[in-house]
Protein backbone atom coordinates (compact mmCIF):
# COMPACT_ATOMS: atom_id res chain seq x y z
CA MET A 1 151.35 65.68 68.16
CA ASN A 2 153.46 64.38 71.03
CA ASN A 3 155.74 66.39 73.30
CA SER A 4 158.85 65.35 71.38
CA SER A 5 157.62 66.70 68.04
CA ASN A 6 156.21 69.79 69.79
CA SER A 7 159.62 70.43 71.32
CA ARG A 8 161.38 69.84 67.99
CA GLU A 9 159.04 72.25 66.19
CA THR A 10 159.49 74.89 68.89
CA LYS A 11 163.28 74.61 68.67
CA GLN A 12 163.13 74.95 64.87
CA ARG A 13 160.91 78.04 65.10
CA LEU A 14 163.17 79.68 67.69
CA SER A 15 166.22 78.89 65.58
CA SER A 16 164.57 80.45 62.51
CA PHE A 17 163.58 83.49 64.57
CA LYS A 18 167.14 83.83 65.89
CA ASN A 19 168.52 83.67 62.36
CA GLU A 20 165.99 86.25 61.16
CA VAL A 21 166.98 88.63 63.97
CA ALA A 22 170.70 88.07 63.36
CA ASP A 23 170.27 88.69 59.63
CA SER A 24 168.44 91.95 60.32
CA MET A 25 171.42 93.01 62.48
CA ASN A 26 174.00 91.96 59.85
CA ILE A 27 175.41 89.24 62.12
CA ASN A 28 176.30 86.02 60.32
CA LEU A 29 175.22 82.85 62.10
CA GLN A 30 176.24 79.44 60.88
CA GLN A 31 174.14 76.29 61.02
CA GLY A 32 174.92 74.64 64.36
CA TYR A 33 177.73 75.94 66.55
CA ASN A 34 178.33 79.70 66.69
CA GLY A 35 180.93 79.96 69.44
CA ASP A 36 183.04 82.20 67.26
CA ILE A 37 180.71 85.22 67.51
CA SER A 38 181.36 87.77 70.23
CA ALA A 39 179.46 87.71 73.50
CA ARG A 40 178.32 91.22 72.67
CA ASP A 41 176.74 90.11 69.38
CA ALA A 42 175.15 87.07 71.03
CA GLY A 43 173.66 89.35 73.69
CA ARG A 44 172.41 91.79 71.07
CA ILE A 45 170.65 88.97 69.22
CA GLY A 46 169.04 87.64 72.40
CA GLY A 47 168.01 91.11 73.53
CA GLN A 48 166.43 91.90 70.19
CA MET A 49 164.58 88.57 70.26
CA VAL A 50 163.13 89.37 73.69
CA LYS A 51 162.18 92.88 72.58
CA ARG A 52 160.33 91.53 69.53
CA MET A 53 158.56 88.84 71.56
CA ILE A 54 157.35 91.42 74.07
CA GLU A 55 156.11 93.69 71.26
CA TYR A 56 154.30 90.74 69.69
CA ALA A 57 152.67 89.80 72.99
CA GLU A 58 151.60 93.37 73.68
CA GLN A 59 150.03 93.70 70.22
CA HIS A 60 148.11 90.47 70.62
CA MET A 61 146.93 91.18 74.17
CA ASN A 62 145.14 94.41 73.25
CA GLY A 63 141.54 94.11 74.31
CA GLN A 64 142.22 91.01 76.40
CA ASN A 65 142.41 91.22 80.20
């Protein structure tokens, strides 16, 4: 797999993750441009994504130094 397809797959996974987080917070995201959502909601989505990524990393680092 080359860097281009790696990058494309990563972007697709992050987009899916963002939509999953937004759905769990009852924030409707559209496919593509979402400039109509408030900055507060965008920040809440990003913050929740970071929180979940940190939790995931901590769970998977247990026992590894």
